[in-house]
Amino acid sequence: MRTTEAFSTDRSRAPICAPIIMPGLPVIVPVTEFRDVFGVALTNAIGGADVAAELKKATETFAPVLAKSEQG
């Protein structure tokens, strides 16, 4: 059977593929805070700051926020 669609409309294989598409990263509930903290780090890095230092500082700043959100 040949189709002109980019993807098949057959959904019978979806349950088989579901585990493959699940990300291995944690779900970040406080997404706004994540964007704010890491946005500052990326902006500073683009502006010439040390990338590793900025990302380390952002990670340390965001870690308690993520931990709190994971506790419920």
PDB file of N, CA and C in Angstrom:
ATOM      1  N   MET A   1       0.841  -1.180   0.000  1.00  0.00           N
ATOM      2  CA  MET A   1       0.000   0.000   0.000  1.00  0.00           C
ATOM      3  C   MET A   1       0.884   1.240   0.000  1.00  0.00           C
ATOM      4  N   ARG A   2       0.678   2.100  -0.909  1.00  0.00           N
ATOM      5  CA  ARG A   2       1.484   3.312  -1.031  1.00  0.00           C
ATOM      6  C   ARG A   2       0.630   4.507  -0.633  1.00  0.00           C
ATOM      7  N   THR A   3       1.239   5.401   0.123  1.00  0.00           N
ATOM      8  CA  THR A   3       0.505   6.588   0.565  1.00  0.00           C
ATOM      9  C   THR A   3       1.269   7.835   0.168  1.00  0.00           C
ATOM     10  N   THR A   4       0.569   8.909  -0.033  1.00  0.00           N
ATOM     11  CA  THR A   4       1.215  10.164  -0.391  1.00  0.00           C
ATOM     12  C   THR A   4       1.495  11.016   0.830  1.00  0.00           C
ATOM     13  N   GLU A   5       1.038  10.556   1.996  1.00  0.00           N
ATOM     14  CA  GLU A   5       1.277  11.304   3.226  1.00  0.00           C
ATOM     15  C   GLU A   5       2.710  11.083   3.710  1.00  0.00           C
ATOM     16  N   ALA A   6       3.224  12.078   4.416  1.00  0.00           N
ATOM     17  CA  ALA A   6       4.583  11.964   4.948  1.00  0.00           C
ATOM     18  C   ALA A   6       4.666  10.875   6.009  1.00  0.00           C
ATOM     19  N   PHE A   7       3.604  10.718   6.782  1.00  0.00           N
ATOM     20  CA  PHE A   7       3.554   9.715   7.835  1.00  0.00           C
ATOM     21  C   PHE A   7       2.303   8.880   7.665  1.00  0.00           C
ATOM     22  N   SER A   8       2.399   7.638   8.025  1.00  0.00           N
ATOM     23  CA  SER A   8       1.256   6.747   7.927  1.00  0.00           C
ATOM     24  C   SER A   8       0.172   7.161   8.915  1.00  0.00           C
ATOM     25  N   THR A   9      -1.048   6.947   8.551  1.00  0.00           N
ATOM     26  CA  THR A   9      -2.158   7.243   9.458  1.00  0.00           C
ATOM     27  C   THR A   9      -2.512   6.031  10.305  1.00  0.00           C
ATOM     28  N   ASP A  10      -1.749   4.940  10.161  1.00  0.00           N
ATOM     29  CA  ASP A  10      -1.982   3.734  10.942  1.00  0.00           C
ATOM     30  C   ASP A  10      -1.493   3.959  12.363  1.00  0.00           C
ATOM     31  N   ARG A  11      -2.423   4.015  13.309  1.00  0.00           N
ATOM     32  CA  ARG A  11      -2.076   4.288  14.712  1.00  0.00           C
ATOM     33  C   ARG A  11      -1.918   3.003  15.522  1.00  0.00           C
ATOM     34  N   SER A  12      -2.029   1.856  14.885  1.00  0.00           N
ATOM     35  CA  SER A  12      -1.965   0.596  15.620  1.00  0.00           C
ATOM     36  C   SER A  12      -0.584   0.341  16.216  1.00  0.00           C
ATOM     37  N   ARG A  13       0.459   0.962  15.679  1.00  0.00           N
ATOM     38  CA  ARG A  13       1.819   0.760  16.190  1.00  0.00           C
ATOM     39  C   ARG A  13       2.197   1.783  17.249  1.00  0.00           C
ATOM     40  N   ALA A  14       1.341   2.733  17.539  1.00  0.00           N
ATOM     41  CA  ALA A  14       1.662   3.789  18.498  1.00  0.00           C
ATOM     42  C   ALA A  14       2.055   3.254  19.869  1.00  0.00           C
ATOM     43  N   PRO A  15       1.335   2.283  20.456  1.00  0.00           N
ATOM     44  CA  PRO A  15       1.752   1.789  21.775  1.00  0.00           C
ATOM     45  C   PRO A  15       3.146   1.167  21.770  1.00  0.00           C
ATOM     46  N   ILE A  16       3.560   0.605  20.658  1.00  0.00           N
ATOM     47  CA  ILE A  16       4.888   0.004  20.565  1.00  0.00           C
ATOM     48  C   ILE A  16       5.961   1.086  20.561  1.00  0.00           C
ATOM     49  N   CYS A  17       5.684   2.206  19.935  1.00  0.00           N
ATOM     50  CA  CYS A  17       6.658   3.280  19.791  1.00  0.00           C
ATOM     51  C   CYS A  17       6.695   4.219  20.986  1.00  0.00           C
ATOM     52  N   ALA A  18       5.674   4.210  21.828  1.00  0.00           N
ATOM     53  CA  ALA A  18       5.584   5.168  22.931  1.00  0.00           C
ATOM     54  C   ALA A  18       6.822   5.192  23.824  1.00  0.00           C
ATOM     55  N   PRO A  19       7.366   4.038  24.257  1.00  0.00           N
ATOM     56  CA  PRO A  19       8.549   4.097  25.119  1.00  0.00           C
ATOM     57  C   PRO A  19       9.765   4.723  24.429  1.00  0.00           C
ATOM     58  N   ILE A  20       9.824   4.635  23.142  1.00  0.00           N
ATOM     59  CA  ILE A  20      10.956   5.189  22.412  1.00  0.00           C
ATOM     60  C   ILE A  20      10.950   6.709  22.453  1.00  0.00           C
ATOM     61  N   ILE A  21       9.780   7.301  22.410  1.00  0.00           N
ATOM     62  CA  ILE A  21       9.701   8.759  22.327  1.00  0.00           C
ATOM     63  C   ILE A  21       9.726   9.452  23.679  1.00  0.00           C
ATOM     64  N   MET A  22       9.723   8.702  24.769  1.00  0.00           N
ATOM     65  CA  MET A  22       9.755   9.309  26.094  1.00  0.00           C
ATOM     66  C   MET A  22      11.161   9.840  26.371  1.00  0.00           C
ATOM     67  N   PRO A  23      11.277  11.092  26.784  1.00  0.00           N
ATOM     68  CA  PRO A  23      12.602  11.650  27.038  1.00  0.00           C
ATOM     69  C   PRO A  23      13.246  11.044  28.283  1.00  0.00           C
ATOM     70  N   GLY A  24      14.554  11.039  28.297  1.00  0.00           N
ATOM     71  CA  GLY A  24      15.278  10.530  29.444  1.00  0.00           C
ATOM     72  C   GLY A  24      15.590  11.614  30.460  1.00  0.00           C
ATOM     73  N   LEU A  25      15.163  12.816  30.195  1.00  0.00           N
ATOM     74  CA  LEU A  25      15.416  13.933  31.095  1.00  0.00           C
ATOM     75  C   LEU A  25      14.246  14.125  32.045  1.00  0.00           C
ATOM     76  N   PRO A  26      14.488  14.762  33.188  1.00  0.00           N
ATOM     77  CA  PRO A  26      13.372  14.992  34.113  1.00  0.00           C
ATOM     78  C   PRO A  26      12.375  15.982  33.528  1.00  0.00           C
ATOM     79  N   VAL A  27      11.125  15.819  33.914  1.00  0.00           N
ATOM     80  CA  VAL A  27      10.102  16.776  33.509  1.00  0.00           C
ATOM     81  C   VAL A  27      10.279  18.012  34.376  1.00  0.00           C
ATOM     82  N   ILE A  28      10.417  19.156  33.744  1.00  0.00           N
ATOM     83  CA  ILE A  28      10.639  20.402  34.480  1.00  0.00           C
ATOM     84  C   ILE A  28       9.308  21.129  34.601  1.00  0.00           C
ATOM     85  N   VAL A  29       8.728  21.071  35.799  1.00  0.00           N
ATOM     86  CA  VAL A  29       7.443  21.713  36.035  1.00  0.00           C
ATOM     87  C   VAL A  29       7.595  23.238  36.108  1.00  0.00           C
ATOM     88  N   PRO A  30       8.588  23.760  36.856  1.00  0.00           N
ATOM     89  CA  PRO A  30       8.732  25.219  36.925  1.00  0.00           C
ATOM     90  C   PRO A  30       9.457  25.768  35.691  1.00  0.00           C
ATOM     91  N   VAL A  31       8.812  25.622  34.549  1.00  0.00           N
ATOM     92  CA  VAL A  31       9.450  25.968  33.275  1.00  0.00           C
ATOM     93  C   VAL A  31       9.755  27.468  33.173  1.00  0.00           C
ATOM     94  N   THR A  32       8.925  28.304  33.742  1.00  0.00           N
ATOM     95  CA  THR A  32       9.165  29.748  33.680  1.00  0.00           C
ATOM     96  C   THR A  32      10.458  30.109  34.396  1.00  0.00           C
ATOM     97  N   GLU A  33      10.643  29.535  35.584  1.00  0.00           N
ATOM     98  CA  GLU A  33      11.863  29.802  36.334  1.00  0.00           C
ATOM     99  C   GLU A  33      13.083  29.260  35.585  1.00  0.00           C
ATOM    100  N   PHE A  34      12.937  28.088  34.973  1.00  0.00           N
ATOM    101  CA  PHE A  34      14.027  27.506  34.191  1.00  0.00           C
ATOM    102  C   PHE A  34      14.441  28.450  33.070  1.00  0.00           C
ATOM    103  N   ARG A  35      13.466  28.946  32.327  1.00  0.00           N
ATOM    104  CA  ARG A  35      13.765  29.852  31.219  1.00  0.00           C
ATOM    105  C   ARG A  35      14.413  31.138  31.709  1.00  0.00           C
ATOM    106  N   ASP A  36      13.940  31.655  32.833  1.00  0.00           N
ATOM    107  CA  ASP A  36      14.514  32.886  33.368  1.00  0.00           C
ATOM    108  C   ASP A  36      15.978  32.692  33.765  1.00  0.00           C
ATOM    109  N   VAL A  37      16.237  31.650  34.546  1.00  0.00           N
ATOM    110  CA  VAL A  37      17.588  31.419  35.071  1.00  0.00           C
ATOM    111  C   VAL A  37      18.568  31.086  33.945  1.00  0.00           C
ATOM    112  N   PHE A  38      18.192  30.149  33.090  1.00  0.00           N
ATOM    113  CA  PHE A  38      19.110  29.759  32.027  1.00  0.00           C
ATOM    114  C   PHE A  38      19.142  30.775  30.897  1.00  0.00           C
ATOM    115  N   GLY A  39      18.082  31.561  30.751  1.00  0.00           N
ATOM    116  CA  GLY A  39      18.084  32.647  29.773  1.00  0.00           C
ATOM    117  C   GLY A  39      19.122  33.700  30.115  1.00  0.00           C
ATOM    118  N   VAL A  40      19.228  34.014  31.405  1.00  0.00           N
ATOM    119  CA  VAL A  40      20.246  34.969  31.852  1.00  0.00           C
ATOM    120  C   VAL A  40      21.638  34.418  31.574  1.00  0.00           C
ATOM    121  N   ALA A  41      21.831  33.127  31.871  1.00  0.00           N
ATOM    122  CA  ALA A  41      23.133  32.503  31.635  1.00  0.00           C
ATOM    123  C   ALA A  41      23.493  32.533  30.152  1.00  0.00           C
ATOM    124  N   LEU A  42      22.538  32.210  29.298  1.00  0.00           N
ATOM    125  CA  LEU A  42      22.809  32.214  27.851  1.00  0.00           C
ATOM    126  C   LEU A  42      23.055  33.623  27.327  1.00  0.00           C
ATOM    127  N   THR A  43      22.298  34.583  27.834  1.00  0.00           N
ATOM    128  CA  THR A  43      22.509  35.970  27.424  1.00  0.00           C
ATOM    129  C   THR A  43      23.893  36.446  27.829  1.00  0.00           C
ATOM    130  N   ASN A  44      24.297  36.119  29.047  1.00  0.00           N
ATOM    131  CA  ASN A  44      25.632  36.508  29.505  1.00  0.00           C
ATOM    132  C   ASN A  44      26.720  35.824  28.679  1.00  0.00           C
ATOM    133  N   ALA A  45      26.504  34.547  28.340  1.00  0.00           N
ATOM    134  CA  ALA A  45      27.483  33.816  27.535  1.00  0.00           C
ATOM    135  C   ALA A  45      27.606  34.426  26.138  1.00  0.00           C
ATOM    136  N   ILE A  46      26.479  34.785  25.555  1.00  0.00           N
ATOM    137  CA  ILE A  46      26.509  35.429  24.237  1.00  0.00           C
ATOM    138  C   ILE A  46      27.231  36.764  24.320  1.00  0.00           C
ATOM    139  N   GLY A  47      27.093  37.424  25.465  1.00  0.00           N
ATOM    140  CA  GLY A  47      27.750  38.707  25.673  1.00  0.00           C
ATOM    141  C   GLY A  47      29.239  38.611  25.965  1.00  0.00           C
ATOM    142  N   GLY A  48      29.760  37.382  26.056  1.00  0.00           N
ATOM    143  CA  GLY A  48      31.202  37.228  26.239  1.00  0.00           C
ATOM    144  C   GLY A  48      31.629  36.624  27.561  1.00  0.00           C
ATOM    145  N   ALA A  49      30.680  36.341  28.448  1.00  0.00           N
ATOM    146  CA  ALA A  49      31.034  35.747  29.739  1.00  0.00           C
ATOM    147  C   ALA A  49      31.467  34.294  29.533  1.00  0.00           C
ATOM    148  N   ASP A  50      32.148  33.758  30.531  1.00  0.00           N
ATOM    149  CA  ASP A  50      32.604  32.365  30.491  1.00  0.00           C
ATOM    150  C   ASP A  50      31.384  31.444  30.517  1.00  0.00           C
ATOM    151  N   VAL A  51      31.229  30.638  29.487  1.00  0.00           N
ATOM    152  CA  VAL A  51      30.048  29.787  29.331  1.00  0.00           C
ATOM    153  C   VAL A  51      29.942  28.780  30.474  1.00  0.00           C
ATOM    154  N   ALA A  52      31.024  28.103  30.776  1.00  0.00           N
ATOM    155  CA  ALA A  52      30.994  27.092  31.830  1.00  0.00           C
ATOM    156  C   ALA A  52      30.617  27.701  33.173  1.00  0.00           C
ATOM    157  N   ALA A  53      31.167  28.843  33.479  1.00  0.00           N
ATOM    158  CA  ALA A  53      30.865  29.505  34.755  1.00  0.00           C
ATOM    159  C   ALA A  53      29.402  29.937  34.815  1.00  0.00           C
ATOM    160  N   GLU A  54      28.894  30.466  33.712  1.00  0.00           N
ATOM    161  CA  GLU A  54      27.497  30.914  33.680  1.00  0.00           C
ATOM    162  C   GLU A  54      26.535  29.740  33.841  1.00  0.00           C
ATOM    163  N   LEU A  55      26.813  28.643  33.150  1.00  0.00           N
ATOM    164  CA  LEU A  55      25.932  27.484  33.254  1.00  0.00           C
ATOM    165  C   LEU A  55      26.026  26.830  34.629  1.00  0.00           C
ATOM    166  N   LYS A  56      27.214  26.835  35.222  1.00  0.00           N
ATOM    167  CA  LYS A  56      27.364  26.304  36.577  1.00  0.00           C
ATOM    168  C   LYS A  56      26.567  27.138  37.566  1.00  0.00           C
ATOM    169  N   LYS A  57      26.662  28.461  37.423  1.00  0.00           N
ATOM    170  CA  LYS A  57      25.917  29.361  38.311  1.00  0.00           C
ATOM    171  C   LYS A  57      24.407  29.172  38.127  1.00  0.00           C
ATOM    172  N   ALA A  58      23.961  29.023  36.889  1.00  0.00           N
ATOM    173  CA  ALA A  58      22.541  28.822  36.615  1.00  0.00           C
ATOM    174  C   ALA A  58      22.053  27.493  37.185  1.00  0.00           C
ATOM    175  N   THR A  59      22.870  26.461  37.044  1.00  0.00           N
ATOM    176  CA  THR A  59      22.511  25.145  37.581  1.00  0.00           C
ATOM    177  C   THR A  59      22.385  25.196  39.089  1.00  0.00           C
ATOM    178  N   GLU A  60      23.327  25.869  39.750  1.00  0.00           N
ATOM    179  CA  GLU A  60      23.282  25.997  41.213  1.00  0.00           C
ATOM    180  C   GLU A  60      22.079  26.820  41.657  1.00  0.00           C
ATOM    181  N   THR A  61      21.721  27.822  40.875  1.00  0.00           N
ATOM    182  CA  THR A  61      20.569  28.662  41.213  1.00  0.00           C
ATOM    183  C   THR A  61      19.263  27.900  41.029  1.00  0.00           C
ATOM    184  N   PHE A  62      19.191  27.090  39.978  1.00  0.00           N
ATOM    185  CA  PHE A  62      17.943  26.405  39.656  1.00  0.00           C
ATOM    186  C   PHE A  62      17.753  25.098  40.425  1.00  0.00           C
ATOM    187  N   ALA A  63      18.815  24.489  40.896  1.00  0.00           N
ATOM    188  CA  ALA A  63      18.726  23.182  41.572  1.00  0.00           C
ATOM    189  C   ALA A  63      17.705  23.165  42.711  1.00  0.00           C
ATOM    190  N   PRO A  64      17.683  24.157  43.623  1.00  0.00           N
ATOM    191  CA  PRO A  64      16.682  24.115  44.696  1.00  0.00           C
ATOM    192  C   PRO A  64      15.243  24.249  44.176  1.00  0.00           C
ATOM    193  N   VAL A  65      15.060  25.018  43.119  1.00  0.00           N
ATOM    194  CA  VAL A  65      13.722  25.187  42.533  1.00  0.00           C
ATOM    195  C   VAL A  65      13.238  23.852  41.968  1.00  0.00           C
ATOM    196  N   LEU A  66      14.119  23.154  41.246  1.00  0.00           N
ATOM    197  CA  LEU A  66      13.760  21.859  40.678  1.00  0.00           C
ATOM    198  C   LEU A  66      13.503  20.835  41.778  1.00  0.00           C
ATOM    199  N   ALA A  67      14.356  20.823  42.794  1.00  0.00           N
ATOM    200  CA  ALA A  67      14.183  19.877  43.910  1.00  0.00           C
ATOM    201  C   ALA A  67      12.849  20.085  44.608  1.00  0.00           C
ATOM    202  N   LYS A  68      12.492  21.343  44.829  1.00  0.00           N
ATOM    203  CA  LYS A  68      11.223  21.656  45.483  1.00  0.00           C
ATOM    204  C   LYS A  68      10.051  21.196  44.626  1.00  0.00           C
ATOM    205  N   SER A  69      10.142  21.374  43.317  1.00  0.00           N
ATOM    206  CA  SER A  69       9.036  20.986  42.442  1.00  0.00           C
ATOM    207  C   SER A  69       8.900  19.465  42.371  1.00  0.00           C
ATOM    208  N   GLU A  70       9.990  18.732  42.518  1.00  0.00           N
ATOM    209  CA  GLU A  70       9.947  17.286  42.468  1.00  0.00           C
ATOM    210  C   GLU A  70       9.358  16.682  43.749  1.00  0.00           C
ATOM    211  N   GLN A  71       9.440  17.438  44.854  1.00  0.00           N
ATOM    212  CA  GLN A  71       8.888  16.962  46.113  1.00  0.00           C
ATOM    213  C   GLN A  71       7.362  17.091  46.136  1.00  0.00           C
ATOM    214  N   GLY A  72       6.866  17.946  45.326  1.00  0.00           N
ATOM    215  CA  GLY A  72       5.407  18.073  45.257  1.00  0.00           C
ATOM    216  C   GLY A  72       4.951  19.352  45.697  1.00  0.00           C
TER     217      GLY A  72
END
